[in-house]
N, C-alpha and C. Protein backbone atom coordinates (compact mmCIF):
# COMPACT_ATOMS: atom_id res chain seq x y z
N UNK A 1 49.85 15.68 139.01
CA UNK A 1 49.42 15.23 138.58
C UNK A 1 47.79 15.40 138.50
N UNK A 2 47.04 14.40 138.10
CA UNK A 2 45.91 14.75 137.64
C UNK A 2 45.10 14.22 139.37
N UNK A 3 43.68 14.90 139.29
CA UNK A 3 43.02 13.31 140.34
C UNK A 3 42.84 12.27 139.89
N UNK A 4 42.41 11.73 140.65
CA UNK A 4 41.52 9.96 140.91
C UNK A 4 40.05 9.91 140.06
N UNK A 5 40.13 9.58 138.95
CA UNK A 5 38.71 9.34 138.21
C UNK A 5 37.69 9.20 138.93
N UNK A 6 36.75 10.06 139.14
CA UNK A 6 35.08 9.54 139.84
C UNK A 6 34.73 8.83 139.64
N UNK A 7 33.78 8.16 140.40
CA UNK A 7 33.02 6.87 140.56
C UNK A 7 31.77 6.97 140.73
N UNK A 8 31.24 6.74 140.09
CA UNK A 8 29.29 6.25 140.47
C UNK A 8 29.60 5.73 142.04
N UNK A 9 29.26 6.38 143.31
CA UNK A 9 29.16 5.66 144.24
C UNK A 9 28.07 4.64 144.30
N UNK A 10 28.23 3.76 144.94
CA UNK A 10 27.29 2.60 144.96
C UNK A 10 26.11 2.98 146.45
N UNK A 11 24.82 2.07 146.16
CA UNK A 11 24.00 2.72 147.21
C UNK A 11 24.47 2.66 148.54
N UNK A 12 25.45 1.37 148.68
CA UNK A 12 26.22 1.08 149.91
C UNK A 12 26.69 2.49 150.85
N UNK A 13 27.17 2.88 149.99
CA UNK A 13 28.21 4.26 150.13
C UNK A 13 26.91 5.77 150.16
N UNK A 14 25.99 5.73 149.65
CA UNK A 14 25.56 6.81 149.35
C UNK A 14 24.23 6.98 150.48
N UNK A 15 23.85 5.37 150.78
CA UNK A 15 22.31 5.57 150.86
C UNK A 15 22.36 5.19 152.39
N UNK A 16 22.89 3.93 152.56
CA UNK A 16 22.78 3.69 153.84
C UNK A 16 24.09 3.74 154.84
N UNK A 17 24.25 4.74 155.13
CA UNK A 17 25.42 5.03 156.28
C UNK A 17 25.12 5.07 157.59
N UNK A 18 25.97 4.31 158.44
CA UNK A 18 25.80 4.04 159.91
C UNK A 18 25.26 5.74 160.29
N UNK A 19 24.25 5.72 160.86
CA UNK A 19 23.68 7.39 161.77
C UNK A 19 23.26 8.17 160.84
N UNK A 20 23.51 8.05 159.25
CA UNK A 20 22.74 8.98 158.48
C UNK A 20 21.21 8.79 158.39
N UNK A 21 20.52 9.54 157.72
CA UNK A 21 19.21 9.10 157.18
C UNK A 21 19.07 8.41 156.23
N UNK A 22 17.77 7.09 156.40
CA UNK A 22 17.89 6.46 154.95
C UNK A 22 16.82 6.68 154.64
N UNK A 23 17.19 6.69 153.11
CA UNK A 23 16.33 7.16 151.82
C UNK A 23 15.53 5.61 151.67
N UNK A 24 14.11 6.54 151.53
CA UNK A 24 12.98 6.03 151.02
C UNK A 24 12.02 6.37 150.21
N UNK A 25 11.67 5.10 149.13
CA UNK A 25 10.65 5.18 147.75
C UNK A 25 9.49 4.60 148.62
N UNK A 26 8.18 5.32 148.72
CA UNK A 26 6.88 5.02 148.83
C UNK A 26 6.36 4.39 147.70
N UNK A 27 5.50 3.10 147.42
CA UNK A 27 4.97 2.77 146.78
C UNK A 27 3.57 2.37 146.89
N UNK A 28 2.50 3.09 146.28
CA UNK A 28 0.69 2.57 147.21
C UNK A 28 0.12 3.58 146.24
N UNK A 29 -0.96 2.59 145.99
CA UNK A 29 -1.87 3.63 145.08
C UNK A 29 -2.99 4.63 145.42
N UNK A 30 -2.83 4.70 146.62
CA UNK A 30 -3.37 5.45 147.77
C UNK A 30 -2.77 6.85 148.11
N UNK A 31 -3.04 7.78 147.32
CA UNK A 31 -2.29 9.04 147.58
C UNK A 31 -2.59 9.27 149.35
N UNK A 32 -3.28 9.14 149.75
CA UNK A 32 -3.50 9.74 151.13
C UNK A 32 -2.34 9.03 152.15
N UNK A 33 -2.49 7.37 151.79
CA UNK A 33 -1.38 6.60 152.65
C UNK A 33 -0.05 7.12 152.29
N UNK A 34 0.23 7.28 150.49
CA UNK A 34 1.49 8.24 150.94
C UNK A 34 2.00 9.31 151.61
N UNK A 35 1.02 10.19 151.39
CA UNK A 35 1.08 11.31 152.01
C UNK A 35 1.64 11.11 153.63
N UNK A 36 0.53 10.67 154.21
CA UNK A 36 1.08 10.20 155.59
C UNK A 36 1.98 9.59 156.09
N UNK A 37 2.19 8.61 155.43
CA UNK A 37 3.32 7.75 155.67
C UNK A 37 4.66 8.26 155.40
N UNK A 38 4.43 9.61 154.46
CA UNK A 38 5.64 10.15 154.17
C UNK A 38 5.81 11.18 155.48
N UNK A 39 5.03 11.79 155.78
CA UNK A 39 5.33 12.60 156.84
C UNK A 39 5.72 12.07 158.20
N UNK A 40 5.32 10.39 158.56
CA UNK A 40 5.54 9.55 159.67
C UNK A 40 6.87 9.71 159.54
N UNK A 41 7.50 8.96 158.65
CA UNK A 41 8.78 8.58 158.31
C UNK A 41 9.69 9.70 158.26
N UNK A 42 9.70 10.90 157.61
CA UNK A 42 10.64 12.01 157.60
C UNK A 42 10.24 12.26 159.08
N UNK A 43 9.55 12.17 159.93
CA UNK A 43 9.76 12.60 161.63
C UNK A 43 10.86 12.24 162.25
N UNK A 44 11.49 11.10 161.62
CA UNK A 44 12.16 10.85 162.54
C UNK A 44 13.53 10.43 161.35
N UNK A 45 14.12 9.32 161.25
CA UNK A 45 15.45 9.08 160.91
C UNK A 45 15.10 8.84 159.25
N UNK A 46 14.14 8.97 158.48
CA UNK A 46 14.12 8.40 157.02
C UNK A 46 13.92 10.04 156.23
N UNK A 47 14.34 9.54 155.11
CA UNK A 47 14.30 10.49 154.24
C UNK A 47 13.40 10.00 153.06
N UNK A 48 12.37 10.73 153.15
CA UNK A 48 11.41 9.86 151.69
C UNK A 48 11.82 10.81 150.40
N UNK A 49 12.38 9.98 149.66
CA UNK A 49 12.93 11.15 148.22
C UNK A 49 12.04 10.62 147.36
N UNK A 50 10.66 9.60 147.72
CA UNK A 50 9.78 9.79 146.30
C UNK A 50 8.57 9.33 146.49
N UNK A 51 7.48 9.45 146.24
CA UNK A 51 6.37 8.65 146.41
C UNK A 51 5.38 8.36 144.62
N UNK A 52 5.03 7.15 144.65
CA UNK A 52 4.49 6.79 143.17
C UNK A 52 3.64 5.80 143.57
N UNK A 53 2.71 5.87 142.79
CA UNK A 53 1.45 5.07 142.73
C UNK A 53 1.32 3.67 142.20
N UNK A 54 2.23 3.22 141.28
CA UNK A 54 2.01 2.17 140.48
C UNK A 54 3.46 1.53 140.43
N UNK A 55 3.47 0.09 139.76
CA UNK A 55 4.64 -0.58 139.73
C UNK A 55 5.77 -0.08 138.43
N UNK A 56 5.21 0.35 137.75
CA UNK A 56 5.97 0.84 136.51
C UNK A 56 6.17 2.09 137.05
N UNK A 57 5.87 2.91 137.48
CA UNK A 57 6.61 4.42 138.10
C UNK A 57 7.47 4.07 138.89
N UNK A 58 7.52 2.74 139.88
CA UNK A 58 8.41 2.49 140.89
C UNK A 58 9.54 2.10 140.69
N UNK A 59 10.07 1.50 139.03
CA UNK A 59 10.91 1.04 139.07
C UNK A 59 11.83 2.39 138.06
N UNK A 60 11.36 2.89 137.69
CA UNK A 60 11.69 4.32 136.93
C UNK A 60 12.08 5.60 138.02
N UNK A 61 11.24 5.38 138.96
CA UNK A 61 12.14 6.14 140.42
C UNK A 61 13.20 5.50 140.92
N UNK A 62 12.49 4.13 141.16
CA UNK A 62 14.49 3.64 141.97
C UNK A 62 15.52 3.62 140.87
N UNK A 63 15.49 3.53 139.61
CA UNK A 63 16.38 4.01 138.97
C UNK A 63 17.13 5.38 139.09
N UNK A 64 15.94 6.46 139.37
CA UNK A 64 16.28 7.64 139.12
C UNK A 64 16.86 8.26 140.37
N UNK A 65 15.90 7.84 141.61
CA UNK A 65 16.42 8.12 143.08
C UNK A 65 17.06 7.40 143.75
N UNK A 66 17.45 6.44 143.30
CA UNK A 66 18.40 5.12 144.27
C UNK A 66 18.10 5.51 145.56
N UNK A 67 16.38 4.88 145.81
CA UNK A 67 16.55 5.14 147.37
C UNK A 67 17.00 3.39 148.09
N UNK A 68 17.80 3.54 149.14
CA UNK A 68 17.96 2.56 149.97
C UNK A 68 16.94 1.63 150.30
N UNK A 69 15.38 1.96 150.13
CA UNK A 69 14.36 1.23 150.78
C UNK A 69 13.21 1.15 149.75
N UNK A 70 12.73 0.79 149.61
CA UNK A 70 11.33 0.43 148.73
C UNK A 70 10.54 -0.07 149.75
N UNK A 71 9.42 1.33 150.14
CA UNK A 71 8.36 0.56 150.85
C UNK A 71 7.14 -0.03 149.95
N UNK A 72 6.63 -0.85 149.77
CA UNK A 72 5.77 -1.35 148.73
C UNK A 72 4.65 -1.84 148.99
N UNK A 73 3.44 -1.34 148.30
CA UNK A 73 2.04 -1.91 148.81
C UNK A 73 1.97 -3.18 148.30
N UNK A 74 1.29 -4.27 148.40
CA UNK A 74 1.41 -5.30 147.80
C UNK A 74 -0.23 -5.47 146.91
N UNK A 75 -1.03 -4.52 147.25
CA UNK A 75 -2.15 -4.19 146.40
C UNK A 75 -1.84 -3.47 145.70
N UNK A 76 -1.54 -3.10 144.70
CA UNK A 76 -1.10 -2.33 143.55
C UNK A 76 -2.51 -2.11 142.85
N UNK A 77 -2.71 -1.19 142.34
CA UNK A 77 -3.71 -1.24 141.38
C UNK A 77 -3.33 -2.39 140.07
N UNK A 78 -2.12 -1.82 139.36
CA UNK A 78 -1.51 -2.32 138.18
C UNK A 78 -0.85 -3.54 137.99
N UNK A 79 -0.57 -3.77 139.29
CA UNK A 79 0.10 -5.33 139.15
C UNK A 79 0.47 -5.49 140.66
N UNK A 80 0.43 -6.90 140.90
CA UNK A 80 0.83 -7.25 142.05
C UNK A 80 2.28 -6.71 142.35
N UNK A 81 2.09 -6.43 143.89
CA UNK A 81 3.81 -5.59 144.87
C UNK A 81 4.46 -6.51 144.60
N UNK A 82 4.34 -8.20 144.90
CA UNK A 82 5.23 -8.91 145.20
C UNK A 82 5.86 -9.14 143.76
N UNK A 83 5.24 -8.99 142.09
CA UNK A 83 5.55 -8.86 140.70
C UNK A 83 6.70 -8.10 140.94
N UNK A 84 6.51 -6.27 141.98
CA UNK A 84 7.36 -5.49 141.56
C UNK A 84 8.49 -5.48 141.86
N UNK A 85 8.54 -6.88 143.75
CA UNK A 85 9.51 -6.64 144.60
C UNK A 85 10.83 -7.19 143.94
N UNK A 86 10.12 -8.53 142.83
CA UNK A 86 11.17 -9.17 142.17
C UNK A 86 11.42 -8.60 141.40
N UNK A 87 10.97 -7.69 140.15
CA UNK A 87 11.38 -7.14 139.40
C UNK A 87 12.93 -5.71 139.89
N UNK A 88 11.99 -5.31 141.11
CA UNK A 88 13.71 -4.36 141.85
C UNK A 88 14.64 -5.08 142.09
N UNK A 89 14.29 -6.35 142.57
CA UNK A 89 15.80 -7.27 143.48
C UNK A 89 16.30 -7.47 142.41
N UNK A 90 15.72 -7.48 140.89
CA UNK A 90 16.90 -7.68 139.71
C UNK A 90 17.45 -6.91 139.21
N UNK A 91 17.50 -5.57 139.66
CA UNK A 91 18.11 -4.29 139.48
C UNK A 91 19.33 -4.44 140.13
N UNK A 92 20.26 -4.16 139.00
CA UNK A 92 21.79 -3.51 139.77
C UNK A 92 21.90 -3.19 141.29
N UNK A 93 22.56 -3.61 142.14
CA UNK A 93 22.65 -2.85 143.46
C UNK A 93 20.96 -2.65 143.73
N UNK A 94 20.73 -3.22 144.13
CA UNK A 94 18.87 -3.50 144.68
C UNK A 94 18.54 -2.92 145.82
N UNK A 95 17.30 -2.00 145.87
CA UNK A 95 17.23 -1.69 147.56
C UNK A 95 16.58 -2.78 148.09
N UNK A 96 16.88 -2.50 149.67
CA UNK A 96 16.09 -3.54 150.25
C UNK A 96 14.74 -3.28 150.23
N UNK A 97 13.73 -4.34 149.96
CA UNK A 97 12.06 -4.40 149.42
C UNK A 97 11.41 -4.36 150.92
N UNK A 98 10.92 -3.63 151.59
CA UNK A 98 9.53 -4.27 152.76
C UNK A 98 8.40 -4.02 152.24
N UNK A 99 7.58 -5.07 151.75
CA UNK A 99 6.04 -5.01 151.34
C UNK A 99 5.55 -4.58 152.53
N UNK A 100 4.07 -4.10 152.30
CA UNK A 100 3.14 -3.92 153.49
C UNK A 100 1.63 -4.06 152.59
N UNK A 101 0.67 -3.65 153.60
CA UNK A 101 -0.68 -4.47 153.13
C UNK A 101 -1.63 -3.85 154.36
N UNK A 102 -2.66 -3.79 153.93
CA UNK A 102 -3.99 -3.45 154.80
C UNK A 102 -4.17 -5.38 155.42
N UNK A 103 -3.84 -6.01 155.18
CA UNK A 103 -4.13 -7.52 155.53
C UNK A 103 -2.90 -8.00 156.38
N UNK A 104 -2.70 -8.50 157.50
CA UNK A 104 -2.06 -9.33 157.84
C UNK A 104 -1.10 -10.30 157.29
N UNK A 105 0.07 -10.64 157.02
CA UNK A 105 0.78 -11.67 156.38
C UNK A 105 0.02 -12.85 156.17
N UNK A 106 -0.56 -13.53 157.22
CA UNK A 106 -0.94 -14.84 157.03
C UNK A 106 -2.01 -14.84 156.01
N UNK A 107 -2.87 -13.32 155.45
CA UNK A 107 -3.60 -13.52 154.55
C UNK A 107 -2.97 -14.20 152.98
N UNK A 108 -1.99 -13.33 152.89
CA UNK A 108 -1.03 -14.16 151.80
C UNK A 108 -0.41 -15.59 152.02
N UNK A 109 -0.08 -16.13 152.94
CA UNK A 109 0.25 -17.86 153.01
C UNK A 109 1.62 -17.61 152.41
N UNK A 110 1.13 -18.91 151.52
CA UNK A 110 2.74 -18.82 151.01
C UNK A 110 3.63 -17.58 150.09
N UNK A 111 2.64 -16.74 149.53
CA UNK A 111 3.34 -15.64 148.85
C UNK A 111 4.00 -15.10 149.70
N UNK A 112 3.95 -14.56 151.10
CA UNK A 112 4.58 -14.15 152.18
C UNK A 112 5.80 -14.79 152.06
N UNK A 113 5.61 -16.21 152.62
CA UNK A 113 6.75 -17.02 152.66
C UNK A 113 8.02 -16.89 151.56
N UNK A 114 7.31 -17.26 150.12
CA UNK A 114 8.32 -17.12 149.46
C UNK A 114 9.09 -15.73 149.40
N UNK A 115 8.29 -14.37 149.62
CA UNK A 115 8.77 -13.00 149.53
C UNK A 115 10.08 -12.84 150.78
N UNK A 116 9.67 -13.73 151.66
CA UNK A 116 10.75 -13.37 153.05
C UNK A 116 11.43 -14.23 152.60
N UNK A 117 11.53 -15.38 152.09
CA UNK A 117 12.73 -16.25 151.34
C UNK A 117 13.78 -15.33 150.48
N UNK A 118 13.31 -14.43 149.67
CA UNK A 118 13.86 -13.57 148.49
C UNK A 118 14.40 -12.32 149.32
N UNK A 119 14.53 -12.68 150.93
CA UNK A 119 14.73 -11.14 151.54
C UNK A 119 13.77 -9.81 151.79
N UNK A 120 12.82 -10.11 151.33
CA UNK A 120 12.18 -9.08 151.30
C UNK A 120 11.26 -9.00 152.39
N UNK A 121 11.17 -8.06 153.10
CA UNK A 121 10.34 -7.75 154.43
C UNK A 121 9.02 -7.54 154.21
N UNK A 122 8.26 -7.93 155.68
CA UNK A 122 6.82 -7.41 155.34
C UNK A 122 6.63 -6.51 156.63
N UNK A 123 5.52 -5.53 156.28
CA UNK A 123 4.79 -4.98 157.76
C UNK A 123 3.33 -4.22 157.35
N UNK A 124 2.69 -5.02 158.57
CA UNK A 124 1.29 -4.96 158.31
C UNK A 124 0.88 -3.36 158.33
N UNK A 125 0.34 -2.83 157.44
CA UNK A 125 0.32 -0.85 157.56
C UNK A 125 0.12 -0.46 158.98
N UNK A 126 -0.62 -1.10 159.35
CA UNK A 126 -1.67 -0.98 160.94
C UNK A 126 -0.22 -0.56 161.97
N UNK A 127 0.73 -1.53 161.51
CA UNK A 127 2.30 -2.15 162.05
C UNK A 127 3.27 -0.64 162.00
N UNK A 128 2.77 -0.14 160.92
CA UNK A 128 3.88 0.41 160.58
C UNK A 128 3.99 1.98 161.33
N UNK A 129 5.74 1.93 161.48
CA UNK A 129 6.22 3.08 162.33
C UNK A 129 7.49 2.88 162.14
N UNK A 130 8.09 4.14 162.69
CA UNK A 130 9.46 4.61 161.93
C UNK A 130 10.61 3.43 162.70
N UNK A 131 10.41 2.60 164.04
CA UNK A 131 11.19 2.09 164.95
C UNK A 131 10.67 0.72 164.39
N UNK A 132 9.48 0.59 163.92
CA UNK A 132 9.56 -1.15 162.90
C UNK A 132 9.76 -1.29 161.88
N UNK A 133 10.10 -0.17 161.09
CA UNK A 133 10.65 -0.35 159.69
C UNK A 133 12.44 -0.35 160.18
N UNK A 134 12.72 0.47 160.99
CA UNK A 134 14.08 0.52 161.13
C UNK A 134 14.64 -1.03 161.92
N UNK A 135 14.10 -1.40 162.69
CA UNK A 135 13.98 -2.88 163.01
C UNK A 135 14.19 -3.86 162.14
N UNK A 136 13.44 -3.83 161.02
CA UNK A 136 13.07 -4.56 159.79
C UNK A 136 14.07 -4.14 158.74
N UNK A 137 14.96 -3.30 159.05
CA UNK A 137 15.67 -2.69 157.48
C UNK A 137 17.23 -3.22 158.20
N UNK A 138 17.64 -3.20 159.65
CA UNK A 138 18.94 -3.22 160.22
C UNK A 138 19.42 -4.38 159.91
């Protein structure tokens, strides 16, 4: 009897398993932020699978790395993080997108409300912690 055919696991079975580390892709145009947040998140329950500086690289990295979560800066140099978030959400089996900014949520007015309505989270950079991120994506 031959073994059953292998199937490609979905993000839900490979990336977000109860009690297992959560994989994350960090997208920010500031290298120092990407590096410091990587150290912060890796210190606890997250596994940073990649860091990229722009929206185009985020889409390529998401497809290749399949993170459970994408931490995405709103103020990217090449395009709006809101636009990148929408493109990520249109991928098959999309990741959980958490937008971040050095500005508070109310600085973006209806854009943040529209993002939340699409299921995207938001964390101000000054409030970013492992606990805050975990609570948002749980």
